[in-house]
Amino acid sequence: MAAAYSRSSTARIEERITERIPDIHPIREQRKKSRGSIRVGISSVIILMLGFVLMIGAALMFIRTQNTLTMSKTQYASKLSQYEELKRSNDLYEERIISRVDMEEVARIAEEELGMQRASEGQIISYSGQIDDYVKQYADVPALD
């Protein structure tokens, strides 16, 4: 067996496949990259400020509208209370007036001074309406002879 000898003056260098070993730890490298990407242009700042101003404006308009609505509800409640008080007062006045009127005296004045006559049984025609307050008249009431 013959041994293979190298007769050159330099020693042989083995070629190694080596992976490049990073000098910096991967997390630190990511941090350095992310710090560099934080740069923001002036247009982005202007857009951000414009959005902020619009948001503040919308919030102020909402608060103003809510305040107006609250004031309107308060005024409505106040007016409703005043209306109910006036209605009660008017009802009391109406009762006083009706209680002071003597219907017999009204009938006497109508018959004696104004010449009116009481209706007889056949002259009275009754209508039944759906609403108790008034009756709509769509045609003339027939005259009885």
Protein backbone atom coordinates (compact mmCIF):
# COMPACT_ATOMS: atom_id res chain seq x y z
CA MET A 1 0.00 0.00 0.00
CA ALA A 2 1.24 3.18 -0.97
CA ALA A 3 0.56 6.31 0.93
CA ALA A 4 -0.41 9.45 -0.88
CA TYR A 5 1.85 12.25 -0.03
CA SER A 6 1.57 15.83 -0.97
CA ARG A 7 4.72 17.24 -2.33
CA SER A 8 3.80 20.85 -2.31
CA SER A 9 5.30 23.44 -0.08
CA THR A 10 2.08 24.52 1.50
CA ALA A 11 -0.23 22.55 3.61
CA ARG A 12 -3.61 21.78 2.33
CA ILE A 13 -6.52 23.90 3.62
CA GLU A 14 -9.77 22.13 4.03
CA GLU A 15 -12.77 23.89 2.73
CA ARG A 16 -15.40 24.16 5.33
CA ILE A 17 -18.96 25.09 4.81
CA THR A 18 -19.65 27.42 7.64
CA GLU A 19 -22.69 29.40 8.36
CA ARG A 20 -22.21 33.00 9.04
CA ILE A 21 -22.60 33.52 12.77
CA PRO A 22 -24.28 36.81 13.43
CA ASP A 23 -22.35 39.27 15.46
CA ILE A 24 -25.48 40.56 17.15
CA HIS A 25 -28.11 38.58 18.94
CA PRO A 26 -31.30 38.29 16.74
CA ILE A 27 -33.56 40.14 19.19
CA ARG A 28 -31.16 43.04 19.39
CA GLU A 29 -30.95 43.13 15.63
CA GLN A 30 -34.75 43.32 15.40
CA ARG A 31 -34.79 46.18 17.88
CA LYS A 32 -32.25 48.10 15.81
CA LYS A 33 -34.33 47.58 12.67
CA SER A 34 -37.57 48.64 14.37
CA ARG A 35 -35.97 51.79 15.75
CA GLY A 36 -34.98 52.81 12.29
CA SER A 37 -38.50 52.36 10.91
CA ILE A 38 -40.09 54.74 13.44
CA ARG A 39 -39.28 57.72 11.27
CA VAL A 40 -42.49 59.54 10.43
CA GLY A 41 -42.90 62.04 7.68
CA ILE A 42 -44.40 65.49 8.14
CA SER A 43 -47.45 64.50 6.07
CA SER A 44 -48.22 61.66 8.48
CA VAL A 45 -48.01 64.05 11.42
CA ILE A 46 -50.34 66.53 9.68
CA ILE A 47 -52.87 63.77 8.90
CA LEU A 48 -52.70 62.55 12.49
CA MET A 49 -53.23 66.06 13.86
CA LEU A 50 -56.11 66.66 11.43
CA GLY A 51 -57.76 63.44 12.60
CA PHE A 52 -57.27 64.46 16.22
CA VAL A 53 -58.82 67.89 15.59
CA LEU A 54 -61.79 66.30 13.79
CA MET A 55 -62.29 63.86 16.66
CA ILE A 56 -62.24 66.68 19.23
CA GLY A 57 -64.67 68.70 17.08
CA ALA A 58 -67.08 65.75 16.79
CA ALA A 59 -66.91 65.18 20.55
CA LEU A 60 -67.67 68.86 21.24
CA MET A 61 -70.61 68.83 18.81
CA PHE A 62 -71.96 65.69 20.49
CA ILE A 63 -71.69 67.29 23.94
CA ARG A 64 -73.37 70.47 22.67
CA THR A 65 -76.22 68.50 21.09
CA GLN A 66 -76.67 66.43 24.23
CA ASN A 67 -76.76 69.60 26.34
CA THR A 68 -79.36 71.17 24.02
CA LEU A 69 -81.48 68.03 24.22
CA THR A 70 -81.29 68.00 28.02
CA MET A 71 -82.31 71.67 28.16
CA SER A 72 -85.21 71.00 25.77
CA LYS A 73 -86.45 68.12 27.93
CA THR A 74 -86.26 70.34 31.01
CA GLN A 75 -88.19 73.13 29.28
CA TYR A 76 -90.78 70.63 28.03
CA ALA A 77 -91.31 69.30 31.54
CA SER A 78 -91.65 72.85 32.84
CA LYS A 79 -94.17 73.83 30.15
CA LEU A 80 -96.13 70.62 30.73
CA SER A 81 -96.30 71.38 34.44
CA GLN A 82 -97.51 74.93 33.70
CA TYR A 83 -100.11 73.55 31.28
CA GLU A 84 -101.45 71.09 33.84
CA GLU A 85 -101.63 73.82 36.48
CA LEU A 86 -103.52 76.14 34.11
CA LYS A 87 -105.88 73.31 33.13
CA ARG A 88 -106.65 72.60 36.79
CA SER A 89 -107.20 76.30 37.41
CA ASN A 90 -109.53 76.61 34.39
CA ASP A 91 -111.50 73.55 35.46
CA LEU A 92 -112.01 75.08 38.92
CA TYR A 93 -113.18 78.37 37.37
CA GLU A 94 -115.57 76.49 35.08
CA GLU A 95 -117.05 74.63 38.06
CA ARG A 96 -117.52 77.89 39.95
CA ILE A 97 -119.26 79.52 36.99
CA ILE A 98 -121.54 76.54 36.37
CA SER A 99 -122.43 76.27 40.06
CA ARG A 100 -123.39 79.97 40.17
CA VAL A 101 -125.69 79.80 37.14
CA ASP A 102 -129.28 79.12 38.04
CA MET A 103 -130.75 77.16 35.13
CA GLU A 104 -134.30 78.04 36.18
CA GLU A 105 -133.44 81.73 35.90
CA VAL A 106 -131.94 81.14 32.44
CA ALA A 107 -135.14 79.32 31.35
CA ARG A 108 -137.33 82.14 32.73
CA ILE A 109 -135.37 84.85 30.89
CA ALA A 110 -135.44 82.82 27.66
CA GLU A 111 -139.20 82.28 27.81
CA GLU A 112 -140.37 85.62 29.18
CA GLU A 113 -137.90 88.16 27.86
CA LEU A 114 -136.74 86.52 24.63
CA GLY A 115 -139.98 84.77 23.66
CA MET A 116 -138.52 81.31 23.35
CA GLN A 117 -140.64 78.19 23.87
CA ARG A 118 -139.81 74.81 25.32
CA ALA A 119 -139.52 71.93 22.83
CA SER A 120 -142.28 69.38 22.78
CA GLU A 121 -141.74 65.61 22.70
CA GLY A 122 -141.95 65.23 18.90
CA GLN A 123 -139.53 68.11 18.19
CA ILE A 124 -136.51 66.59 19.90
CA ILE A 125 -134.28 64.50 17.61
CA SER A 126 -131.30 62.77 19.18
CA TYR A 127 -128.10 61.90 17.37
CA SER A 128 -125.54 59.54 18.74
CA GLY A 129 -122.02 60.55 17.89
CA GLN A 130 -118.81 58.63 18.35
CA ILE A 131 -117.21 61.48 20.22
CA ASP A 132 -118.93 62.88 23.28
CA ASP A 133 -117.71 66.45 22.79
CA TYR A 134 -119.34 67.30 19.46
CA VAL A 135 -121.28 65.92 16.48
CA LYS A 136 -120.31 66.61 12.86
CA GLN A 137 -123.28 67.66 10.80
CA TYR A 138 -123.05 66.49 7.18
CA ALA A 139 -126.57 67.51 6.16
CA ASP A 140 -129.35 69.77 7.36
CA VAL A 141 -131.48 68.53 10.22
CA PRO A 142 -134.98 67.74 8.91
CA ALA A 143 -137.75 70.04 10.05
CA LEU A 144 -140.80 68.54 11.77
CA ASP A 145 -144.22 69.89 10.87
